[in-house]
Amino acid sequence: MSTAPKSQVLTLAEMVSYQDAAVVSRQITKADAGNVTLFAFDKEQGLSEHTAPFDALVYVLEGEARVTISGNPFDLKAGDAIVMPANEPHALFAVERFKMLLTMIRA
């Protein structure tokens, strides 16, 4: 998977496109210390509950999402962010189509 060009201005929301009934991702950068990935979720699509060994920051670029962490739902809209703690079950659901930037730091 290729990463985004470096030393260029990036318009993040334009770097990943919606696809009908799908979740699309595009890696922006990846390193041993962590990675940054863009996602586009079509309406009513999501990622089922899972855990990750590291904290992850979700920043919503556009649309509306429900992020559930350890059974607690949080409704986010463009401009909102939330940290999903390491080792806690979490899931994401597109209330409306939405795009997000996910930043995971492995430390």
PDB file of N, CA and C in Angstrom:
ATOM      1  N   MET A   1       0.855  -1.173   0.000  1.00  0.00           N
ATOM      2  CA  MET A   1       0.000   0.000   0.000  1.00  0.00           C
ATOM      3  C   MET A   1       0.901   1.235   0.000  1.00  0.00           C
ATOM      4  N   SER A   2       0.718   2.127  -0.940  1.00  0.00           N
ATOM      5  CA  SER A   2       1.550   3.312  -1.015  1.00  0.00           C
ATOM      6  C   SER A   2       1.053   4.371  -0.038  1.00  0.00           C
ATOM      7  N   THR A   3       1.954   5.200   0.407  1.00  0.00           N
ATOM      8  CA  THR A   3       1.592   6.280   1.316  1.00  0.00           C
ATOM      9  C   THR A   3       1.473   7.575   0.530  1.00  0.00           C
ATOM     10  N   ALA A   4       0.987   8.613   1.201  1.00  0.00           N
ATOM     11  CA  ALA A   4       0.789   9.910   0.554  1.00  0.00           C
ATOM     12  C   ALA A   4       2.132  10.566   0.238  1.00  0.00           C
ATOM     13  N   PRO A   5       2.142  11.455  -0.751  1.00  0.00           N
ATOM     14  CA  PRO A   5       3.381  12.172  -1.064  1.00  0.00           C
ATOM     15  C   PRO A   5       3.814  13.039   0.115  1.00  0.00           C
ATOM     16  N   LYS A   6       5.099  13.201   0.275  1.00  0.00           N
ATOM     17  CA  LYS A   6       5.640  14.017   1.367  1.00  0.00           C
ATOM     18  C   LYS A   6       5.996  15.408   0.862  1.00  0.00           C
ATOM     19  N   SER A   7       6.079  16.341   1.799  1.00  0.00           N
ATOM     20  CA  SER A   7       6.425  17.741   1.494  1.00  0.00           C
ATOM     21  C   SER A   7       5.459  18.357   0.493  1.00  0.00           C
ATOM     22  N   GLN A   8       4.170  18.008   0.628  1.00  0.00           N
ATOM     23  CA  GLN A   8       3.115  18.587  -0.200  1.00  0.00           C
ATOM     24  C   GLN A   8       1.911  18.862   0.686  1.00  0.00           C
ATOM     25  N   VAL A   9       1.137  19.868   0.320  1.00  0.00           N
ATOM     26  CA  VAL A   9      -0.103  20.144   1.029  1.00  0.00           C
ATOM     27  C   VAL A   9      -1.110  19.058   0.662  1.00  0.00           C
ATOM     28  N   LEU A  10      -1.732  18.478   1.675  1.00  0.00           N
ATOM     29  CA  LEU A  10      -2.693  17.401   1.459  1.00  0.00           C
ATOM     30  C   LEU A  10      -4.096  17.886   1.823  1.00  0.00           C
ATOM     31  N   THR A  11      -5.043  17.673   0.950  1.00  0.00           N
ATOM     32  CA  THR A  11      -6.446  17.947   1.250  1.00  0.00           C
ATOM     33  C   THR A  11      -7.052  16.599   1.612  1.00  0.00           C
ATOM     34  N   LEU A  12      -7.043  16.298   2.889  1.00  0.00           N
ATOM     35  CA  LEU A  12      -7.334  14.948   3.361  1.00  0.00           C
ATOM     36  C   LEU A  12      -8.677  14.403   2.890  1.00  0.00           C
ATOM     37  N   ALA A  13      -9.743  15.192   3.021  1.00  0.00           N
ATOM     38  CA  ALA A  13     -11.077  14.693   2.663  1.00  0.00           C
ATOM     39  C   ALA A  13     -11.172  14.313   1.185  1.00  0.00           C
ATOM     40  N   GLU A  14     -10.309  14.867   0.357  1.00  0.00           N
ATOM     41  CA  GLU A  14     -10.333  14.555  -1.074  1.00  0.00           C
ATOM     42  C   GLU A  14      -9.451  13.358  -1.436  1.00  0.00           C
ATOM     43  N   MET A  15      -8.726  12.841  -0.459  1.00  0.00           N
ATOM     44  CA  MET A  15      -7.778  11.773  -0.746  1.00  0.00           C
ATOM     45  C   MET A  15      -8.370  10.373  -0.633  1.00  0.00           C
ATOM     46  N   VAL A  16      -9.618  10.283  -0.180  1.00  0.00           N
ATOM     47  CA  VAL A  16     -10.303   8.992  -0.095  1.00  0.00           C
ATOM     48  C   VAL A  16     -11.743   9.222  -0.540  1.00  0.00           C
ATOM     49  N   SER A  17     -12.271   8.284  -1.317  1.00  0.00           N
ATOM     50  CA  SER A  17     -13.615   8.436  -1.880  1.00  0.00           C
ATOM     51  C   SER A  17     -14.578   7.413  -1.293  1.00  0.00           C
ATOM     52  N   TYR A  18     -15.842   7.813  -1.221  1.00  0.00           N
ATOM     53  CA  TYR A  18     -16.887   6.891  -0.788  1.00  0.00           C
ATOM     54  C   TYR A  18     -17.135   5.846  -1.876  1.00  0.00           C
ATOM     55  N   GLN A  19     -17.480   4.641  -1.440  1.00  0.00           N
ATOM     56  CA  GLN A  19     -17.939   3.598  -2.340  1.00  0.00           C
ATOM     57  C   GLN A  19     -19.219   3.027  -1.743  1.00  0.00           C
ATOM     58  N   ASP A  20     -20.184   2.735  -2.590  1.00  0.00           N
ATOM     59  CA  ASP A  20     -21.466   2.218  -2.126  1.00  0.00           C
ATOM     60  C   ASP A  20     -21.277   0.968  -1.270  1.00  0.00           C
ATOM     61  N   ALA A  21     -21.950   0.969  -0.106  1.00  0.00           N
ATOM     62  CA  ALA A  21     -21.982  -0.184   0.800  1.00  0.00           C
ATOM     63  C   ALA A  21     -20.595  -0.670   1.201  1.00  0.00           C
ATOM     64  N   ALA A  22     -19.658   0.268   1.393  1.00  0.00           N
ATOM     65  CA  ALA A  22     -18.288  -0.141   1.686  1.00  0.00           C
ATOM     66  C   ALA A  22     -17.598   0.822   2.644  1.00  0.00           C
ATOM     67  N   VAL A  23     -16.493   0.336   3.192  1.00  0.00           N
ATOM     68  CA  VAL A  23     -15.548   1.145   3.958  1.00  0.00           C
ATOM     69  C   VAL A  23     -14.256   1.144   3.164  1.00  0.00           C
ATOM     70  N   VAL A  24     -13.747   2.323   2.861  1.00  0.00           N
ATOM     71  CA  VAL A  24     -12.540   2.468   2.059  1.00  0.00           C
ATOM     72  C   VAL A  24     -11.454   3.096   2.928  1.00  0.00           C
ATOM     73  N   SER A  25     -10.219   2.635   2.783  1.00  0.00           N
ATOM     74  CA  SER A  25      -9.123   3.234   3.546  1.00  0.00           C
ATOM     75  C   SER A  25      -7.952   3.576   2.637  1.00  0.00           C
ATOM     76  N   ARG A  26      -7.175   4.546   3.098  1.00  0.00           N
ATOM     77  CA  ARG A  26      -5.952   4.931   2.389  1.00  0.00           C
ATOM     78  C   ARG A  26      -4.910   5.334   3.428  1.00  0.00           C
ATOM     79  N   GLN A  27      -3.797   4.656   3.394  1.00  0.00           N
ATOM     80  CA  GLN A  27      -2.730   4.954   4.337  1.00  0.00           C
ATOM     81  C   GLN A  27      -2.036   6.255   3.928  1.00  0.00           C
ATOM     82  N   ILE A  28      -1.875   7.140   4.898  1.00  0.00           N
ATOM     83  CA  ILE A  28      -1.189   8.412   4.650  1.00  0.00           C
ATOM     84  C   ILE A  28       0.297   8.273   4.936  1.00  0.00           C
ATOM     85  N   THR A  29       0.608   7.700   6.085  1.00  0.00           N
ATOM     86  CA  THR A  29       2.001   7.452   6.423  1.00  0.00           C
ATOM     87  C   THR A  29       2.081   6.280   7.381  1.00  0.00           C
ATOM     88  N   LYS A  30       3.188   5.571   7.333  1.00  0.00           N
ATOM     89  CA  LYS A  30       3.391   4.413   8.202  1.00  0.00           C
ATOM     90  C   LYS A  30       4.837   4.372   8.646  1.00  0.00           C
ATOM     91  N   ALA A  31       5.023   4.108   9.928  1.00  0.00           N
ATOM     92  CA  ALA A  31       6.369   3.989  10.496  1.00  0.00           C
ATOM     93  C   ALA A  31       6.298   3.005  11.649  1.00  0.00           C
ATOM     94  N   ASP A  32       7.445   2.577  12.135  1.00  0.00           N
ATOM     95  CA  ASP A  32       7.461   1.675  13.283  1.00  0.00           C
ATOM     96  C   ASP A  32       6.742   2.291  14.480  1.00  0.00           C
ATOM     97  N   ALA A  33       6.799   3.605  14.609  1.00  0.00           N
ATOM     98  CA  ALA A  33       6.194   4.299  15.758  1.00  0.00           C
ATOM     99  C   ALA A  33       4.680   4.451  15.635  1.00  0.00           C
ATOM    100  N   GLY A  34       4.126   4.242  14.441  1.00  0.00           N
ATOM    101  CA  GLY A  34       2.683   4.370  14.284  1.00  0.00           C
ATOM    102  C   GLY A  34       2.292   4.614  12.842  1.00  0.00           C
ATOM    103  N   ASN A  35       0.980   4.859  12.638  1.00  0.00           N
ATOM    104  CA  ASN A  35       0.517   5.125  11.284  1.00  0.00           C
ATOM    105  C   ASN A  35      -0.671   6.071  11.308  1.00  0.00           C
ATOM    106  N   VAL A  36      -0.926   6.656  10.142  1.00  0.00           N
ATOM    107  CA  VAL A  36      -2.047   7.571   9.942  1.00  0.00           C
ATOM    108  C   VAL A  36      -2.785   7.079   8.702  1.00  0.00           C
ATOM    109  N   THR A  37      -4.110   6.867   8.864  1.00  0.00           N
ATOM    110  CA  THR A  37      -4.915   6.297   7.786  1.00  0.00           C
ATOM    111  C   THR A  37      -6.213   7.073   7.634  1.00  0.00           C
ATOM    112  N   LEU A  38      -6.603   7.324   6.392  1.00  0.00           N
ATOM    113  CA  LEU A  38      -7.896   7.931   6.083  1.00  0.00           C
ATOM    114  C   LEU A  38      -8.913   6.827   5.832  1.00  0.00           C
ATOM    115  N   PHE A  39     -10.163   7.073   6.247  1.00  0.00           N
ATOM    116  CA  PHE A  39     -11.254   6.141   5.987  1.00  0.00           C
ATOM    117  C   PHE A  39     -12.443   6.900   5.441  1.00  0.00           C
ATOM    118  N   ALA A  40     -13.202   6.253   4.546  1.00  0.00           N
ATOM    119  CA  ALA A  40     -14.492   6.758   4.066  1.00  0.00           C
ATOM    120  C   ALA A  40     -15.506   5.643   4.272  1.00  0.00           C
ATOM    121  N   PHE A  41     -16.543   5.924   5.051  1.00  0.00           N
ATOM    122  CA  PHE A  41     -17.591   4.952   5.363  1.00  0.00           C
ATOM    123  C   PHE A  41     -18.867   5.370   4.653  1.00  0.00           C
ATOM    124  N   ASP A  42     -19.448   4.476   3.869  1.00  0.00           N
ATOM    125  CA  ASP A  42     -20.762   4.750   3.305  1.00  0.00           C
ATOM    126  C   ASP A  42     -21.783   4.673   4.446  1.00  0.00           C
ATOM    127  N   LYS A  43     -22.940   5.300   4.267  1.00  0.00           N
ATOM    128  CA  LYS A  43     -23.986   5.311   5.289  1.00  0.00           C
ATOM    129  C   LYS A  43     -24.317   3.887   5.736  1.00  0.00           C
ATOM    130  N   GLU A  44     -24.426   3.728   7.054  1.00  0.00           N
ATOM    131  CA  GLU A  44     -24.770   2.468   7.712  1.00  0.00           C
ATOM    132  C   GLU A  44     -23.707   1.382   7.566  1.00  0.00           C
ATOM    133  N   GLN A  45     -22.505   1.754   7.193  1.00  0.00           N
ATOM    134  CA  GLN A  45     -21.381   0.815   7.181  1.00  0.00           C
ATOM    135  C   GLN A  45     -20.578   1.031   8.461  1.00  0.00           C
ATOM    136  N   GLY A  46     -19.728   0.086   8.804  1.00  0.00           N
ATOM    137  CA  GLY A  46     -18.946   0.257  10.019  1.00  0.00           C
ATOM    138  C   GLY A  46     -17.850  -0.764  10.161  1.00  0.00           C
ATOM    139  N   LEU A  47     -17.191  -0.684  11.289  1.00  0.00           N
ATOM    140  CA  LEU A  47     -16.193  -1.665  11.689  1.00  0.00           C
ATOM    141  C   LEU A  47     -16.727  -2.308  12.961  1.00  0.00           C
ATOM    142  N   SER A  48     -16.827  -3.617  12.980  1.00  0.00           N
ATOM    143  CA  SER A  48     -17.380  -4.315  14.137  1.00  0.00           C
ATOM    144  C   SER A  48     -16.441  -4.182  15.338  1.00  0.00           C
ATOM    145  N   GLU A  49     -16.992  -4.503  16.490  1.00  0.00           N
ATOM    146  CA  GLU A  49     -16.232  -4.343  17.732  1.00  0.00           C
ATOM    147  C   GLU A  49     -14.937  -5.141  17.694  1.00  0.00           C
ATOM    148  N   HIS A  50     -13.869  -4.485  18.107  1.00  0.00           N
ATOM    149  CA  HIS A  50     -12.547  -5.108  18.156  1.00  0.00           C
ATOM    150  C   HIS A  50     -11.701  -4.339  19.170  1.00  0.00           C
ATOM    151  N   THR A  51     -10.507  -4.805  19.418  1.00  0.00           N
ATOM    152  CA  THR A  51      -9.569  -4.095  20.280  1.00  0.00           C
ATOM    153  C   THR A  51      -8.277  -3.872  19.505  1.00  0.00           C
ATOM    154  N   ALA A  52      -7.498  -2.929  20.010  1.00  0.00           N
ATOM    155  CA  ALA A  52      -6.176  -2.648  19.438  1.00  0.00           C
ATOM    156  C   ALA A  52      -5.214  -2.469  20.616  1.00  0.00           C
ATOM    157  N   PRO A  53      -3.961  -2.831  20.432  1.00  0.00           N
ATOM    158  CA  PRO A  53      -3.011  -2.759  21.546  1.00  0.00           C
ATOM    159  C   PRO A  53      -2.486  -1.352  21.833  1.00  0.00           C
ATOM    160  N   PHE A  54      -2.952  -0.354  21.067  1.00  0.00           N
ATOM    161  CA  PHE A  54      -2.460   1.008  21.236  1.00  0.00           C
ATOM    162  C   PHE A  54      -3.623   1.991  21.206  1.00  0.00           C
ATOM    163  N   ASP A  55      -3.450   3.157  21.846  1.00  0.00           N
ATOM    164  CA  ASP A  55      -4.440   4.222  21.724  1.00  0.00           C
ATOM    165  C   ASP A  55      -4.554   4.624  20.259  1.00  0.00           C
ATOM    166  N   ALA A  56      -5.755   5.048  19.863  1.00  0.00           N
ATOM    167  CA  ALA A  56      -5.966   5.527  18.498  1.00  0.00           C
ATOM    168  C   ALA A  56      -6.850   6.766  18.553  1.00  0.00           C
ATOM    169  N   LEU A  57      -6.456   7.796  17.829  1.00  0.00           N
ATOM    170  CA  LEU A  57      -7.223   9.035  17.736  1.00  0.00           C
ATOM    171  C   LEU A  57      -8.047   9.014  16.458  1.00  0.00           C
ATOM    172  N   VAL A  58      -9.354   9.229  16.606  1.00  0.00           N
ATOM    173  CA  VAL A  58     -10.260   9.364  15.464  1.00  0.00           C
ATOM    174  C   VAL A  58     -10.606  10.837  15.335  1.00  0.00           C
ATOM    175  N   TYR A  59     -10.398  11.402  14.149  1.00  0.00           N
ATOM    176  CA  TYR A  59     -10.793  12.780  13.849  1.00  0.00           C
ATOM    177  C   TYR A  59     -11.747  12.733  12.660  1.00  0.00           C
ATOM    178  N   VAL A  60     -12.986  13.199  12.867  1.00  0.00           N
ATOM    179  CA  VAL A  60     -13.994  13.151  11.814  1.00  0.00           C
ATOM    180  C   VAL A  60     -13.829  14.358  10.890  1.00  0.00           C
ATOM    181  N   LEU A  61     -13.604  14.095   9.609  1.00  0.00           N
ATOM    182  CA  LEU A  61     -13.408  15.145   8.605  1.00  0.00           C
ATOM    183  C   LEU A  61     -14.730  15.650   8.046  1.00  0.00           C
ATOM    184  N   GLU A  62     -15.678  14.738   7.839  1.00  0.00           N
ATOM    185  CA  GLU A  62     -17.005  15.109   7.337  1.00  0.00           C
ATOM    186  C   GLU A  62     -17.989  14.014   7.693  1.00  0.00           C
ATOM    187  N   GLY A  63     -19.279  14.392   7.770  1.00  0.00           N
ATOM    188  CA  GLY A  63     -20.325  13.428   8.046  1.00  0.00           C
ATOM    189  C   GLY A  63     -20.559  13.203   9.525  1.00  0.00           C
ATOM    190  N   GLU A  64     -21.219  12.068   9.834  1.00  0.00           N
ATOM    191  CA  GLU A  64     -21.582  11.740  11.216  1.00  0.00           C
ATOM    192  C   GLU A  64     -21.298  10.283  11.514  1.00  0.00           C
ATOM    193  N   ALA A  65     -20.696  10.046  12.679  1.00  0.00           N
ATOM    194  CA  ALA A  65     -20.316   8.692  13.078  1.00  0.00           C
ATOM    195  C   ALA A  65     -20.722   8.425  14.514  1.00  0.00           C
ATOM    196  N   ARG A  66     -20.917   7.155  14.810  1.00  0.00           N
ATOM    197  CA  ARG A  66     -21.086   6.716  16.191  1.00  0.00           C
ATOM    198  C   ARG A  66     -19.886   5.824  16.503  1.00  0.00           C
ATOM    199  N   VAL A  67     -19.148   6.224  17.528  1.00  0.00           N
ATOM    200  CA  VAL A  67     -18.016   5.438  18.004  1.00  0.00           C
ATOM    201  C   VAL A  67     -18.428   4.875  19.358  1.00  0.00           C
ATOM    202  N   THR A  68     -18.380   3.566  19.481  1.00  0.00           N
ATOM    203  CA  THR A  68     -18.737   2.918  20.738  1.00  0.00           C
ATOM    204  C   THR A  68     -17.467   2.368  21.369  1.00  0.00           C
ATOM    205  N   ILE A  69     -17.214   2.778  22.608  1.00  0.00           N
ATOM    206  CA  ILE A  69     -16.015   2.354  23.336  1.00  0.00           C
ATOM    207  C   ILE A  69     -16.471   1.694  24.629  1.00  0.00           C
ATOM    208  N   SER A  70     -16.119   0.435  24.809  1.00  0.00           N
ATOM    209  CA  SER A  70     -16.514  -0.322  26.007  1.00  0.00           C
ATOM    210  C   SER A  70     -18.007  -0.194  26.284  1.00  0.00           C
ATOM    211  N   GLY A  71     -18.812  -0.271  25.225  1.00  0.00           N
ATOM    212  CA  GLY A  71     -20.261  -0.231  25.351  1.00  0.00           C
ATOM    213  C   GLY A  71     -20.871   1.157  25.443  1.00  0.00           C
ATOM    214  N   ASN A  72     -20.050   2.211  25.490  1.00  0.00           N
ATOM    215  CA  ASN A  72     -20.544   3.590  25.588  1.00  0.00           C
ATOM    216  C   ASN A  72     -20.518   4.257  24.221  1.00  0.00           C
ATOM    217  N   PRO A  73     -21.690   4.668  23.698  1.00  0.00           N
ATOM    218  CA  PRO A  73     -21.733   5.299  22.373  1.00  0.00           C
ATOM    219  C   PRO A  73     -21.403   6.800  22.443  1.00  0.00           C
ATOM    220  N   PHE A  74     -20.670   7.263  21.449  1.00  0.00           N
ATOM    221  CA  PHE A  74     -20.326   8.675  21.307  1.00  0.00           C
ATOM    222  C   PHE A  74     -20.667   9.083  19.875  1.00  0.00           C
ATOM    223  N   ASP A  75     -21.486  10.115  19.720  1.00  0.00           N
ATOM    224  CA  ASP A  75     -21.851  10.615  18.400  1.00  0.00           C
ATOM    225  C   ASP A  75     -20.921  11.753  18.026  1.00  0.00           C
ATOM    226  N   LEU A  76     -20.263  11.616  16.882  1.00  0.00           N
ATOM    227  CA  LEU A  76     -19.301  12.605  16.416  1.00  0.00           C
ATOM    228  C   LEU A  76     -19.726  13.150  15.070  1.00  0.00           C
ATOM    229  N   LYS A  77     -19.377  14.418  14.825  1.00  0.00           N
ATOM    230  CA  LYS A  77     -19.628  15.068  13.540  1.00  0.00           C
ATOM    231  C   LYS A  77     -18.329  15.730  13.097  1.00  0.00           C
ATOM    232  N   ALA A  78     -18.339  16.289  11.910  1.00  0.00           N
ATOM    233  CA  ALA A  78     -17.139  16.919  11.357  1.00  0.00           C
ATOM    234  C   ALA A  78     -16.520  17.873  12.370  1.00  0.00           C
ATOM    235  N   GLY A  79     -15.230  17.722  12.564  1.00  0.00           N
ATOM    236  CA  GLY A  79     -14.494  18.563  13.499  1.00  0.00           C
ATOM    237  C   GLY A  79     -14.320  17.945  14.872  1.00  0.00           C
ATOM    238  N   ASP A  80     -15.054  16.870  15.170  1.00  0.00           N
ATOM    239  CA  ASP A  80     -14.945  16.197  16.463  1.00  0.00           C
ATOM    240  C   ASP A  80     -13.854  15.133  16.421  1.00  0.00           C
ATOM    241  N   ALA A  81     -13.322  14.836  17.609  1.00  0.00           N
ATOM    242  CA  ALA A  81     -12.296  13.795  17.730  1.00  0.00           C
ATOM    243  C   ALA A  81     -12.511  13.034  19.026  1.00  0.00           C
ATOM    244  N   ILE A  82     -12.005  11.818  19.074  1.00  0.00           N
ATOM    245  CA  ILE A  82     -12.065  10.998  20.284  1.00  0.00           C
ATOM    246  C   ILE A  82     -10.870  10.055  20.280  1.00  0.00           C
ATOM    247  N   VAL A  83     -10.373   9.758  21.482  1.00  0.00           N
ATOM    248  CA  VAL A  83      -9.299   8.773  21.624  1.00  0.00           C
ATOM    249  C   VAL A  83      -9.928   7.450  22.048  1.00  0.00           C
ATOM    250  N   MET A  84      -9.648   6.413  21.279  1.00  0.00           N
ATOM    251  CA  MET A  84     -10.073   5.066  21.628  1.00  0.00           C
ATOM    252  C   MET A  84      -8.914   4.428  22.394  1.00  0.00           C
ATOM    253  N   PRO A  85      -9.112   4.150  23.696  1.00  0.00           N
ATOM    254  CA  PRO A  85      -8.009   3.639  24.512  1.00  0.00           C
ATOM    255  C   PRO A  85      -7.551   2.238  24.107  1.00  0.00           C
ATOM    256  N   ALA A  86      -6.284   1.991  24.299  1.00  0.00           N
ATOM    257  CA  ALA A  86      -5.707   0.675  24.030  1.00  0.00           C
ATOM    258  C   ALA A  86      -6.444  -0.392  24.810  1.00  0.00           C
ATOM    259  N   ASN A  87      -6.621  -1.535  24.170  1.00  0.00           N
ATOM    260  CA  ASN A  87      -7.172  -2.742  24.782  1.00  0.00           C
ATOM    261  C   ASN A  87      -8.624  -2.629  25.243  1.00  0.00           C
ATOM    262  N   GLU A  88      -9.337  -1.571  24.861  1.00  0.00           N
ATOM    263  CA  GLU A  88     -10.761  -1.457  25.159  1.00  0.00           C
ATOM    264  C   GLU A  88     -11.537  -1.743  23.877  1.00  0.00           C
ATOM    265  N   PRO A  89     -12.598  -2.544  23.961  1.00  0.00           N
ATOM    266  CA  PRO A  89     -13.371  -2.842  22.750  1.00  0.00           C
ATOM    267  C   PRO A  89     -14.021  -1.586  22.194  1.00  0.00           C
ATOM    268  N   HIS A  90     -13.943  -1.450  20.877  1.00  0.00           N
ATOM    269  CA  HIS A  90     -14.540  -0.293  20.215  1.00  0.00           C
ATOM    270  C   HIS A  90     -15.069  -0.703  18.843  1.00  0.00           C
ATOM    271  N   ALA A  91     -16.045   0.089  18.374  1.00  0.00           N
ATOM    272  CA  ALA A  91     -16.657  -0.144  17.063  1.00  0.00           C
ATOM    273  C   ALA A  91     -16.998   1.211  16.464  1.00  0.00           C
ATOM    274  N   LEU A  92     -17.116   1.268  15.133  1.00  0.00           N
ATOM    275  CA  LEU A  92     -17.474   2.499  14.439  1.00  0.00           C
ATOM    276  C   LEU A  92     -18.642   2.218  13.505  1.00  0.00           C
ATOM    277  N   PHE A  93     -19.554   3.197  13.402  1.00  0.00           N
ATOM    278  CA  PHE A  93     -20.741   3.052  12.577  1.00  0.00           C
ATOM    279  C   PHE A  93     -21.046   4.385  11.914  1.00  0.00           C
ATOM    280  N   ALA A  94     -21.360   4.351  10.627  1.00  0.00           N
ATOM    281  CA  ALA A  94     -21.683   5.566   9.873  1.00  0.00           C
ATOM    282  C   ALA A  94     -23.170   5.879  10.016  1.00  0.00           C
ATOM    283  N   VAL A  95     -23.506   6.857  10.850  1.00  0.00           N
ATOM    284  CA  VAL A  95     -24.880   7.344  10.959  1.00  0.00           C
ATOM    285  C   VAL A  95     -25.265   7.967   9.622  1.00  0.00           C
ATOM    286  N   GLU A  96     -24.352   8.750   9.068  1.00  0.00           N
ATOM    287  CA  GLU A  96     -24.385   9.277   7.703  1.00  0.00           C
ATOM    288  C   GLU A  96     -23.021   8.946   7.110  1.00  0.00           C
ATOM    289  N   ARG A  97     -22.887   9.082   5.805  1.00  0.00           N
ATOM    290  CA  ARG A  97     -21.545   8.906   5.234  1.00  0.00           C
ATOM    291  C   ARG A  97     -20.568   9.761   6.036  1.00  0.00           C
ATOM    292  N   PHE A  98     -19.381   9.202   6.314  1.00  0.00           N
ATOM    293  CA  PHE A  98     -18.385  10.029   6.995  1.00  0.00           C
ATOM    294  C   PHE A  98     -16.983   9.612   6.594  1.00  0.00           C
ATOM    295  N   LYS A  99     -16.085  10.592   6.748  1.00  0.00           N
ATOM    296  CA  LYS A  99     -14.670  10.361   6.532  1.00  0.00           C
ATOM    297  C   LYS A  99     -13.936  10.700   7.819  1.00  0.00           C
ATOM    298  N   MET A 100     -12.915   9.909   8.108  1.00  0.00           N
ATOM    299  CA  MET A 100     -12.150  10.141   9.328  1.00  0.00           C
ATOM    300  C   MET A 100     -10.671   9.924   9.074  1.00  0.00           C
ATOM    301  N   LEU A 101      -9.897  10.536   9.933  1.00  0.00           N
ATOM    302  CA  LEU A 101      -8.457  10.331   9.969  1.00  0.00           C
ATOM    303  C   LEU A 101      -8.166   9.558  11.250  1.00  0.00           C
ATOM    304  N   LEU A 102      -7.505   8.419  11.134  1.00  0.00           N
ATOM    305  CA  LEU A 102      -7.168   7.597  12.272  1.00  0.00           C
ATOM    306  C   LEU A 102      -5.648   7.669  12.483  1.00  0.00           C
ATOM    307  N   THR A 103      -5.263   8.054  13.692  1.00  0.00           N
ATOM    308  CA  THR A 103      -3.846   8.129  14.039  1.00  0.00           C
ATOM    309  C   THR A 103      -3.577   7.150  15.174  1.00  0.00           C
ATOM    310  N   MET A 104      -2.690   6.196  14.917  1.00  0.00           N
ATOM    311  CA  MET A 104      -2.324   5.222  15.946  1.00  0.00           C
ATOM    312  C   MET A 104      -0.839   5.351  16.233  1.00  0.00           C
ATOM    313  N   ILE A 105      -0.529   5.514  17.522  1.00  0.00           N
ATOM    314  CA  ILE A 105       0.860   5.620  17.954  1.00  0.00           C
ATOM    315  C   ILE A 105       1.216   4.350  18.712  1.00  0.00           C
ATOM    316  N   ARG A 106       2.242   3.697  18.278  1.00  0.00           N
ATOM    317  CA  ARG A 106       2.672   2.440  18.918  1.00  0.00           C
ATOM    318  C   ARG A 106       3.734   2.736  19.968  1.00  0.00           C
ATOM    319  N   ALA A 107       3.292   3.121  21.137  1.00  0.00           N
ATOM    320  CA  ALA A 107       4.265   3.420  22.208  1.00  0.00           C
ATOM    321  C   ALA A 107       3.648   3.124  23.550  1.00  0.00           C
TER     322      ALA A 107
END
